[in-house]
Amino acid sequence: MQNLFMEFEGFILVDRKTPHTSSRKGLIVALDLEKYDFNKGSQNLIELKVNLRNYINTISISDV
């Protein structure tokens, strides 16, 4: 039997159920935030739709 799955380092595909839908797919991506420039107007390879700096400041080690 041939391999049905492809592996990519730093990516996890998730499929979960919610009270509103039987399948909600998402992608978890590992990012090196030391290489990310949080300054306004910076030219990054990724575009964030949320203010990541404020979110990161709310995370504690016990959350991980």
C-alpha atoms as a PDB file:
ATOM      1  CA  MET A   1       0.000   0.000   0.000  1.00  0.00           C
ATOM      2  CA  GLN A   2       1.408   3.371  -0.925  1.00  0.00           C
ATOM      3  CA  ASN A   3       1.768   6.185   1.608  1.00  0.00           C
ATOM      4  CA  LEU A   4      -1.418   8.277   1.669  1.00  0.00           C
ATOM      5  CA  PHE A   5      -0.003  11.166   3.682  1.00  0.00           C
ATOM      6  CA  MET A   6       2.659  13.757   2.907  1.00  0.00           C
ATOM      7  CA  GLU A   7       4.759  15.091   5.778  1.00  0.00           C
ATOM      8  CA  PHE A   8       5.899  18.702   6.024  1.00  0.00           C
ATOM      9  CA  GLU A   9       8.080  19.845   8.908  1.00  0.00           C
ATOM     10  CA  GLY A  10       6.443  22.537  11.018  1.00  0.00           C
ATOM     11  CA  PHE A  11       2.837  21.958   9.844  1.00  0.00           C
ATOM     12  CA  ILE A  12      -0.022  20.055  11.480  1.00  0.00           C
ATOM     13  CA  LEU A  13      -3.406  19.643   9.780  1.00  0.00           C
ATOM     14  CA  VAL A  14      -6.285  19.350  12.247  1.00  0.00           C
ATOM     15  CA  ASP A  15      -9.916  18.373  11.749  1.00  0.00           C
ATOM     16  CA  ARG A  16     -12.251  18.926  14.680  1.00  0.00           C
ATOM     17  CA  LYS A  17     -15.930  18.976  15.518  1.00  0.00           C
ATOM     18  CA  THR A  18     -17.706  21.978  16.998  1.00  0.00           C
ATOM     19  CA  PRO A  19     -21.278  22.477  18.219  1.00  0.00           C
ATOM     20  CA  HIS A  20     -21.930  24.273  14.910  1.00  0.00           C
ATOM     21  CA  THR A  21     -20.285  21.941  12.367  1.00  0.00           C
ATOM     22  CA  SER A  22     -19.214  18.321  12.069  1.00  0.00           C
ATOM     23  CA  SER A  23     -15.864  19.198  10.481  1.00  0.00           C
ATOM     24  CA  ARG A  24     -13.703  22.273  10.918  1.00  0.00           C
ATOM     25  CA  LYS A  25     -10.268  22.032   9.353  1.00  0.00           C
ATOM     26  CA  GLY A  26      -7.289  24.100  10.391  1.00  0.00           C
ATOM     27  CA  LEU A  27      -3.555  24.326   9.935  1.00  0.00           C
ATOM     28  CA  ILE A  28      -1.115  24.781  12.810  1.00  0.00           C
ATOM     29  CA  VAL A  29       2.185  26.277  11.661  1.00  0.00           C
ATOM     30  CA  ALA A  30       5.454  26.528  13.591  1.00  0.00           C
ATOM     31  CA  LEU A  31       7.024  29.974  13.133  1.00  0.00           C
ATOM     32  CA  ASP A  32      10.368  31.284  14.340  1.00  0.00           C
ATOM     33  CA  LEU A  33       9.175  34.507  15.956  1.00  0.00           C
ATOM     34  CA  GLU A  34      12.756  35.664  16.551  1.00  0.00           C
ATOM     35  CA  LYS A  35      12.972  36.142  12.769  1.00  0.00           C
ATOM     36  CA  TYR A  36       9.647  38.021  12.591  1.00  0.00           C
ATOM     37  CA  ASP A  37       9.677  41.824  12.500  1.00  0.00           C
ATOM     38  CA  PHE A  38       6.742  43.230  14.486  1.00  0.00           C
ATOM     39  CA  ASN A  39       7.337  46.834  13.374  1.00  0.00           C
ATOM     40  CA  LYS A  40       4.542  48.492  11.392  1.00  0.00           C
ATOM     41  CA  GLY A  41       5.278  48.520   7.658  1.00  0.00           C
ATOM     42  CA  SER A  42       7.890  45.759   7.812  1.00  0.00           C
ATOM     43  CA  GLN A  43       8.154  43.419   4.809  1.00  0.00           C
ATOM     44  CA  ASN A  44       7.609  39.928   6.240  1.00  0.00           C
ATOM     45  CA  LEU A  45       7.093  36.687   4.348  1.00  0.00           C
ATOM     46  CA  ILE A  46       3.825  36.162   6.237  1.00  0.00           C
ATOM     47  CA  GLU A  47       0.894  38.466   6.813  1.00  0.00           C
ATOM     48  CA  LEU A  48      -0.892  38.214  10.132  1.00  0.00           C
ATOM     49  CA  LYS A  49      -4.565  39.039  10.478  1.00  0.00           C
ATOM     50  CA  VAL A  50      -4.287  39.588  14.238  1.00  0.00           C
ATOM     51  CA  ASN A  51      -2.028  41.629  16.470  1.00  0.00           C
ATOM     52  CA  LEU A  52       0.328  38.776  17.326  1.00  0.00           C
ATOM     53  CA  ARG A  53       2.422  40.773  19.779  1.00  0.00           C
ATOM     54  CA  ASN A  54      -0.566  41.417  22.086  1.00  0.00           C
ATOM     55  CA  TYR A  55      -1.635  37.768  21.849  1.00  0.00           C
ATOM     56  CA  ILE A  56       1.848  36.431  22.688  1.00  0.00           C
ATOM     57  CA  ASN A  57       2.031  38.678  25.745  1.00  0.00           C
ATOM     58  CA  THR A  58      -1.119  36.995  27.126  1.00  0.00           C
ATOM     59  CA  ILE A  59       0.269  33.440  26.870  1.00  0.00           C
ATOM     60  CA  SER A  60       1.891  31.900  29.917  1.00  0.00           C
ATOM     61  CA  ILE A  61       3.990  28.741  30.126  1.00  0.00           C
ATOM     62  CA  SER A  62       1.095  26.963  31.863  1.00  0.00           C
ATOM     63  CA  ASP A  63      -1.026  27.496  28.710  1.00  0.00           C
ATOM     64  CA  VAL A  64       1.389  25.544  26.523  1.00  0.00           C
END
